[in-house]
Amino acid sequence: MFDFKVKSIVHDYQVQFIDDTKESLQQELKEGDFIIIDETVKNLYSAEIDEFLDDYQYIVIQATENQKSYQELIPIIQHLIDHGFRKNHRLIGIGGGITQDITAFTSSILYRGVDWLFYPTTLLAQGDSCIGSKTSINFGIFKNQIGGFYPPNKILINPSFINTLTNAELKSGLGEMCHYFIVSGKEDFERFKNEYGSALTDKKILAGIIARSLEIKKSYIEIDEFDRNVRQVFNYGHSFGHAIESMTNYSIPHGIAVSFGMDISNFISVKLGFIPIEIRTEIRELLEKIWSGYTIRNIPLDQLQQALSKDKKNVGQRLGLILNNGYGRIFKKIMNADENFVTMLEDYFMNETK
């Protein structure tokens, strides 16, 4: 119903919505394929997956940010080489965004590039990261410092995986998808805001939000796949969100950290006169529901600034922040990390956090 193709400079790829993972694996797997699977998914879906693990080689990973590091990829690559993986074989990733990054990055560098397929199992991966080609690996304590662009050859989305997600994981996925709807425009944002509560319990509504989120993203990545121009607006909320993740040792889920990041971006946008307070308030009413139960009040500002200084969008010593000029008018602004900027951050953390 929602199937589509994404055009890519690397190679075009199909996105298919499926309702039977076992049947799909039977159709897709070929001799020599090597499965990389999230340990939690393996345990939750043993009935659907275990028989394929008996017939195909596989690696079980723990889907943590520490696992998604340059150093932790070494034993994975070593295992593949030692166990006969060849250039004409394929990697099959089954898991969320961390599994995707590990599989994608490994596929992109092993033998100068091998084919791979992806079964996204989290809302974050299904509604956002599965398309777009990015591969991102952490280096040290800083997030996504290494990577490239290397899309899968096919993405197979089964919305039923969402049934085993926690409420925090659902809210994190919706928090991530929220930024696409703000980037798109007021009509899309109002739809998202109105459907947010129902999407937590109604999978049909959630599937529609997933499809629309990917549709919005597709329209940008086919113009700017390598994130050099218009696509950078999708980093809205992410400069601050990634810094929050790093400073809290990833105890705040990604999409929830991004929801905080969007509010900080909107706060700064109000201070700089780009949007009226009413727009920030309209958006914050939803963001507060997403981040409910989490706080960023105790994050040290000096460490937050250090993390912001490592952001990939920066230009020299200046910050490349994604700010809000109204619904559908998100933009990148190069700013000095000067006293005025620090004062705005201090104001936010003193008066806007709980």
Protein backbone atom coordinates (compact mmCIF):
# COMPACT_ATOMS: atom_id res chain seq x y z
CA MET A 1 0.00 0.00 0.00
CA PHE A 2 2.83 2.41 0.89
CA ASP A 3 5.59 0.82 -1.25
CA PHE A 4 7.90 3.20 -3.11
CA LYS A 5 11.36 3.54 -4.65
CA VAL A 6 14.04 6.00 -3.59
CA LYS A 7 16.36 7.38 -6.26
CA SER A 8 20.01 7.41 -5.19
CA ILE A 9 23.29 8.37 -6.81
CA VAL A 10 24.80 5.25 -5.23
CA HIS A 11 21.97 2.92 -6.32
CA ASP A 12 18.18 3.17 -6.29
CA TYR A 13 16.45 1.11 -3.62
CA GLN A 14 13.01 -0.26 -2.87
CA VAL A 15 10.98 0.30 0.29
CA GLN A 16 8.33 -2.37 0.84
CA PHE A 17 5.76 -2.65 3.61
CA ILE A 18 5.27 -6.30 4.60
CA ASP A 19 3.05 -8.12 7.09
CA ASP A 20 4.95 -11.42 7.41
CA THR A 21 8.65 -11.28 8.27
CA LYS A 22 9.11 -15.04 8.06
CA GLU A 23 7.65 -15.22 4.57
CA SER A 24 9.74 -12.24 3.47
CA LEU A 25 12.96 -13.81 4.74
CA GLN A 26 12.12 -17.02 2.89
CA GLN A 27 11.80 -15.04 -0.33
CA GLU A 28 14.79 -12.74 0.14
CA LEU A 29 17.61 -14.78 1.66
CA LYS A 30 20.21 -16.28 -0.67
CA GLU A 31 23.17 -18.59 -0.24
CA GLY A 32 26.10 -16.73 1.32
CA ASP A 33 23.96 -14.07 3.01
CA PHE A 34 25.13 -13.14 6.50
CA ILE A 35 22.62 -11.83 9.07
CA ILE A 36 23.46 -9.11 11.61
CA ILE A 37 20.71 -9.09 14.23
CA ASP A 38 19.90 -7.18 17.40
CA GLU A 39 19.96 -9.56 20.38
CA THR A 40 16.65 -8.20 21.72
CA VAL A 41 14.92 -8.79 18.37
CA LYS A 42 16.36 -12.32 18.18
CA ASN A 43 14.90 -13.13 21.60
CA LEU A 44 11.51 -11.51 20.98
CA TYR A 45 10.96 -13.00 17.53
CA SER A 46 12.61 -16.40 17.82
CA ALA A 47 9.62 -18.17 16.20
CA GLU A 48 9.97 -16.11 13.03
CA ILE A 49 13.74 -15.87 12.85
CA ASP A 50 15.48 -18.83 14.52
CA GLU A 51 15.04 -21.26 11.64
CA PHE A 52 16.88 -18.86 9.34
CA LEU A 53 19.69 -18.55 11.86
CA ASP A 54 20.09 -22.34 11.63
CA ASP A 55 20.59 -22.12 7.85
CA TYR A 56 22.55 -18.87 7.50
CA GLN A 57 25.55 -17.45 9.28
CA TYR A 58 24.82 -14.61 11.64
CA ILE A 59 26.22 -12.21 14.24
CA VAL A 60 24.18 -11.16 17.29
CA ILE A 61 24.89 -7.64 18.51
CA GLN A 62 23.80 -5.62 21.50
CA ALA A 63 22.20 -2.47 20.11
CA THR A 64 23.99 0.09 22.27
CA GLU A 65 25.78 3.30 21.39
CA ASN A 66 29.02 1.72 22.64
CA GLN A 67 28.56 -1.11 20.12
CA LYS A 68 28.13 1.51 17.37
CA SER A 69 31.74 2.59 17.63
CA TYR A 70 34.76 2.34 15.37
CA GLN A 71 36.54 0.02 17.78
CA GLU A 72 33.61 -2.38 18.21
CA LEU A 73 33.30 -2.89 14.44
CA ILE A 74 36.71 -4.55 14.27
CA PRO A 75 35.61 -7.96 15.70
CA ILE A 76 32.50 -7.91 13.47
CA ILE A 77 34.55 -7.37 10.32
CA GLN A 78 37.11 -9.92 11.48
CA HIS A 79 34.35 -12.49 12.02
CA LEU A 80 32.93 -11.92 8.54
CA ILE A 81 36.31 -12.34 6.87
CA ASP A 82 37.21 -15.38 8.97
CA HIS A 83 33.92 -17.11 8.15
CA GLY A 84 34.07 -16.84 4.39
CA PHE A 85 32.05 -13.71 3.63
CA ARG A 86 32.83 -12.63 0.06
CA LYS A 87 32.27 -9.64 -2.22
CA ASN A 88 29.27 -11.31 -3.90
CA HIS A 89 27.56 -12.09 -0.58
CA ARG A 90 25.11 -9.77 1.20
CA LEU A 91 24.58 -8.52 4.73
CA ILE A 92 21.04 -8.61 6.16
CA GLY A 93 20.44 -6.18 9.03
CA ILE A 94 17.54 -6.93 11.39
CA GLY A 95 17.08 -4.36 14.13
CA GLY A 96 16.84 -0.64 14.79
CA GLY A 97 18.97 2.34 13.90
CA ILE A 98 22.12 1.08 15.62
CA THR A 99 21.90 -2.24 13.78
CA GLN A 100 21.32 -0.26 10.59
CA ASP A 101 24.41 1.90 11.11
CA ILE A 102 26.61 -1.08 11.94
CA THR A 103 25.38 -3.06 8.92
CA ALA A 104 25.47 -0.09 6.55
CA PHE A 105 28.93 1.13 7.55
CA THR A 106 30.37 -2.39 7.42
CA SER A 107 28.77 -2.96 4.00
CA SER A 108 30.20 0.30 2.69
CA ILE A 109 33.83 -0.43 3.61
CA LEU A 110 34.08 -4.22 3.33
CA TYR A 111 35.62 -5.17 -0.03
CA ARG A 112 34.91 -1.56 -1.11
CA GLY A 113 31.19 -2.16 -0.86
CA VAL A 114 28.81 -5.12 -0.67
CA ASP A 115 25.03 -5.34 -1.04
CA TRP A 116 22.81 -5.24 2.03
CA LEU A 117 19.13 -5.45 3.02
CA PHE A 118 17.46 -3.94 6.05
CA TYR A 119 14.51 -5.03 8.20
CA PRO A 120 13.90 -2.04 10.54
CA THR A 121 12.31 -3.10 13.83
CA THR A 122 12.04 0.19 15.75
CA LEU A 123 9.83 3.18 15.09
CA LEU A 124 12.91 5.38 14.80
CA ALA A 125 14.26 3.22 12.01
CA GLN A 126 10.95 2.63 10.24
CA GLY A 127 9.86 6.28 10.23
CA ASP A 128 13.20 7.97 9.71
CA SER A 129 16.64 6.43 9.41
CA CYS A 130 15.86 3.52 7.07
CA ILE A 131 15.97 5.84 4.04
CA GLY A 132 18.51 8.54 3.31
CA SER A 133 21.73 6.55 2.74
CA LYS A 134 23.60 7.84 5.79
CA THR A 135 25.99 5.58 7.70
CA SER A 136 27.10 6.92 11.07
CA ILE A 137 29.51 5.55 13.66
CA ASN A 138 30.46 7.10 17.01
CA PHE A 139 34.05 7.97 17.87
CA GLY A 140 34.94 8.38 21.53
CA ILE A 141 32.12 10.06 23.43
CA PHE A 142 30.95 12.04 20.40
CA LYS A 143 28.07 10.78 18.29
CA ASN A 144 28.14 10.05 14.54
CA GLN A 145 31.61 11.42 13.82
CA ILE A 146 32.48 8.82 11.15
CA GLY A 147 30.43 7.63 8.21
CA GLY A 148 29.33 8.10 4.65
CA PHE A 149 26.41 7.45 2.31
CA TYR A 150 25.59 3.87 1.36
CA PRO A 151 21.92 2.88 1.07
CA PRO A 152 20.59 -0.66 1.38
CA ASN A 153 19.43 -2.41 -1.77
CA LYS A 154 16.02 -3.03 -0.24
CA ILE A 155 14.16 -2.01 2.93
CA LEU A 156 11.36 -4.23 4.25
CA ILE A 157 9.10 -2.60 6.85
CA ASN A 158 6.82 -4.74 9.01
CA PRO A 159 4.79 -2.40 11.27
CA SER A 160 3.97 -5.31 13.62
CA PHE A 161 7.47 -5.01 15.11
CA ILE A 162 6.13 -1.90 16.82
CA ASN A 163 3.89 -4.10 19.00
CA THR A 164 6.82 -5.06 21.24
CA LEU A 165 8.23 -1.56 21.68
CA THR A 166 8.04 0.21 25.04
CA ASN A 167 6.14 3.45 25.43
CA ALA A 168 9.48 5.29 25.66
CA GLU A 169 10.59 3.77 22.36
CA LEU A 170 7.31 4.77 20.70
CA LYS A 171 7.63 8.34 22.00
CA SER A 172 11.24 8.47 20.88
CA GLY A 173 10.25 7.44 17.36
CA LEU A 174 7.44 9.97 17.25
CA GLY A 175 9.79 12.63 18.63
CA GLU A 176 12.18 11.99 15.77
CA MET A 177 9.45 11.99 13.13
CA CYS A 178 7.97 15.23 14.51
CA HIS A 179 10.72 17.35 12.97
CA TYR A 180 9.79 16.22 9.44
CA PHE A 181 6.24 17.48 9.91
CA ILE A 182 7.44 20.89 11.13
CA VAL A 183 9.87 21.13 8.22
CA SER A 184 7.05 20.23 5.81
CA GLY A 185 4.63 22.93 6.93
CA LYS A 186 1.78 23.87 9.26
CA GLU A 187 -0.79 21.49 7.74
CA ASP A 188 1.46 18.48 8.25
CA PHE A 189 2.41 19.60 11.76
CA GLU A 190 -1.22 20.06 12.77
CA ARG A 191 -2.00 16.58 11.47
CA PHE A 192 0.89 15.14 13.48
CA LYS A 193 -0.11 17.04 16.63
CA ASN A 194 -3.73 15.93 16.33
CA GLU A 195 -2.87 12.28 15.67
CA TYR A 196 -0.02 11.96 18.20
CA GLY A 197 -2.11 10.54 21.04
CA SER A 198 -3.95 8.06 18.82
CA ALA A 199 -0.73 6.95 17.14
CA LEU A 200 0.55 5.60 20.46
CA THR A 201 -2.23 2.98 20.46
CA ASP A 202 -3.63 2.76 16.92
CA LYS A 203 -1.21 1.04 14.55
CA LYS A 204 -3.14 2.09 11.42
CA ILE A 205 -2.77 5.76 12.34
CA LEU A 206 0.87 5.16 13.20
CA ALA A 207 1.49 3.43 9.85
CA GLY A 208 0.07 6.49 8.08
CA ILE A 209 2.41 8.77 10.04
CA ILE A 210 5.38 6.53 9.18
CA ALA A 211 4.51 6.62 5.50
CA ARG A 212 4.06 10.41 5.48
CA SER A 213 7.32 10.91 7.40
CA LEU A 214 9.23 8.87 4.80
CA GLU A 215 7.43 10.67 1.97
CA ILE A 216 8.57 14.05 3.31
CA LYS A 217 12.13 12.82 3.77
CA LYS A 218 12.25 11.20 0.32
CA SER A 219 11.32 14.50 -1.36
CA TYR A 220 14.45 16.12 0.12
CA ILE A 221 17.00 13.31 -0.12
CA GLU A 222 16.34 12.80 -3.83
CA ILE A 223 17.37 16.45 -4.31
CA ASP A 224 20.27 16.54 -1.82
CA GLU A 225 21.27 12.96 -0.96
CA PHE A 226 24.69 13.91 0.40
CA ASP A 227 23.37 16.50 2.87
CA ARG A 228 25.17 19.49 1.39
CA ASN A 229 22.27 21.88 0.95
CA VAL A 230 18.50 21.73 1.52
CA ARG A 231 18.55 18.39 3.35
CA GLN A 232 20.44 19.97 6.23
CA VAL A 233 17.14 21.32 7.55
CA PHE A 234 16.47 17.76 8.78
CA ASN A 235 19.13 18.38 11.41
CA TYR A 236 16.53 20.57 13.13
CA GLY A 237 16.79 19.68 16.82
CA HIS A 238 19.74 17.38 16.24
CA SER A 239 22.71 19.61 17.11
CA PHE A 240 21.33 20.07 20.61
CA GLY A 241 19.82 16.56 20.66
CA HIS A 242 23.12 14.83 19.92
CA ALA A 243 24.87 16.95 22.53
CA ILE A 244 22.19 16.03 25.10
CA GLU A 245 22.64 12.34 24.27
CA SER A 246 26.40 12.56 24.73
CA MET A 247 26.16 14.52 27.99
CA THR A 248 23.63 12.06 29.50
CA ASN A 249 25.56 8.98 28.34
CA TYR A 250 22.59 8.16 26.07
CA SER A 251 20.20 7.71 29.01
CA ILE A 252 17.75 9.97 27.13
CA PRO A 253 16.48 8.16 23.99
CA HIS A 254 17.42 9.75 20.68
CA GLY A 255 14.01 11.03 19.58
CA ILE A 256 13.30 12.45 23.02
CA ALA A 257 16.67 14.22 23.02
CA VAL A 258 15.76 15.64 19.60
CA SER A 259 12.44 16.90 20.99
CA PHE A 260 14.37 18.84 23.64
CA GLY A 261 16.70 20.02 20.87
CA MET A 262 13.82 21.36 18.78
CA ASP A 263 12.54 23.34 21.75
CA ILE A 264 15.98 24.86 22.36
CA SER A 265 16.21 25.74 18.67
CA ASN A 266 12.76 27.34 18.81
CA PHE A 267 13.69 29.25 21.99
CA ILE A 268 16.77 30.70 20.28
CA SER A 269 14.67 31.45 17.18
CA VAL A 270 12.27 33.49 19.33
CA LYS A 271 15.17 35.35 20.97
CA LEU A 272 16.59 36.22 17.56
CA GLY A 273 13.21 37.38 16.24
CA PHE A 274 12.69 34.62 13.68
CA ILE A 275 9.39 33.30 15.06
CA PRO A 276 6.76 34.68 17.44
CA ILE A 277 6.42 33.07 20.86
CA GLU A 278 3.05 31.64 19.75
CA ILE A 279 4.67 29.23 17.27
CA ARG A 280 7.16 28.01 19.85
CA THR A 281 4.30 27.49 22.33
CA GLU A 282 2.22 25.53 19.80
CA ILE A 283 5.12 23.19 19.12
CA ARG A 284 6.20 22.93 22.77
CA GLU A 285 2.71 21.77 23.78
CA LEU A 286 3.40 18.61 21.78
CA LEU A 287 7.09 18.31 22.65
CA GLU A 288 6.29 18.35 26.37
CA LYS A 289 4.16 15.23 25.87
CA ILE A 290 7.02 13.51 24.07
CA TRP A 291 9.70 14.26 26.68
CA SER A 292 7.42 13.74 29.69
CA GLY A 293 9.35 11.87 32.39
CA TYR A 294 12.78 13.14 31.29
CA THR A 295 14.76 16.22 32.31
CA ILE A 296 17.86 18.01 31.02
CA ARG A 297 18.06 20.52 33.87
CA ASN A 298 21.31 19.14 35.30
CA ILE A 299 23.35 19.07 32.09
CA PRO A 300 26.58 21.10 32.57
CA LEU A 301 26.49 23.97 30.09
CA ASP A 302 30.25 24.00 29.51
CA GLN A 303 30.15 20.34 28.47
CA LEU A 304 27.10 20.96 26.30
CA GLN A 305 28.97 23.73 24.50
CA GLN A 306 31.95 21.43 23.99
CA ALA A 307 29.68 18.79 22.44
CA LEU A 308 28.06 21.42 20.21
CA SER A 309 31.52 22.45 19.02
CA LYS A 310 31.98 18.94 17.53
CA ASP A 311 28.83 19.11 15.40
CA LYS A 312 29.36 18.21 11.73
CA LYS A 313 27.40 21.25 10.51
CA ASN A 314 29.80 23.72 12.09
CA VAL A 315 31.90 25.98 9.89
CA GLY A 316 35.35 26.51 11.35
CA GLN A 317 34.86 27.71 14.93
CA ARG A 318 31.29 28.87 14.25
CA LEU A 319 28.17 26.84 14.99
CA GLY A 320 25.94 25.66 12.17
CA LEU A 321 22.54 25.68 13.89
CA ILE A 322 19.22 24.74 12.33
CA LEU A 323 16.67 27.37 13.42
CA ASN A 324 12.97 28.03 12.88
CA ASN A 325 11.60 30.83 10.71
CA GLY A 326 8.05 29.43 10.73
CA TYR A 327 6.33 26.20 9.71
CA GLY A 328 7.90 24.97 6.49
CA ARG A 329 10.71 27.53 6.80
CA ILE A 330 13.39 25.77 8.84
CA PHE A 331 16.86 27.06 7.91
CA LYS A 332 20.55 26.86 8.74
CA LYS A 333 22.26 29.80 10.44
CA ILE A 334 25.98 30.14 11.08
CA MET A 335 26.47 31.64 14.55
CA ASN A 336 29.32 32.54 16.82
CA ALA A 337 29.40 30.71 20.13
CA ASP A 338 29.75 34.10 21.75
CA GLU A 339 28.55 35.65 24.98
CA ASN A 340 25.10 36.34 23.54
CA PHE A 341 24.66 32.69 22.54
CA VAL A 342 25.88 31.46 25.93
CA THR A 343 23.48 33.85 27.67
CA MET A 344 20.57 32.39 25.66
CA LEU A 345 21.57 28.87 26.67
CA GLU A 346 21.85 29.90 30.31
CA ASP A 347 18.42 31.51 30.12
CA TYR A 348 16.91 28.37 28.63
CA PHE A 349 18.37 25.95 31.15
CA MET A 350 17.57 28.20 34.10
CA ASN A 351 14.01 29.17 33.17
CA GLU A 352 12.69 26.69 30.56
CA THR A 353 13.61 23.27 31.96
CA LYS A 354 11.91 21.30 34.70
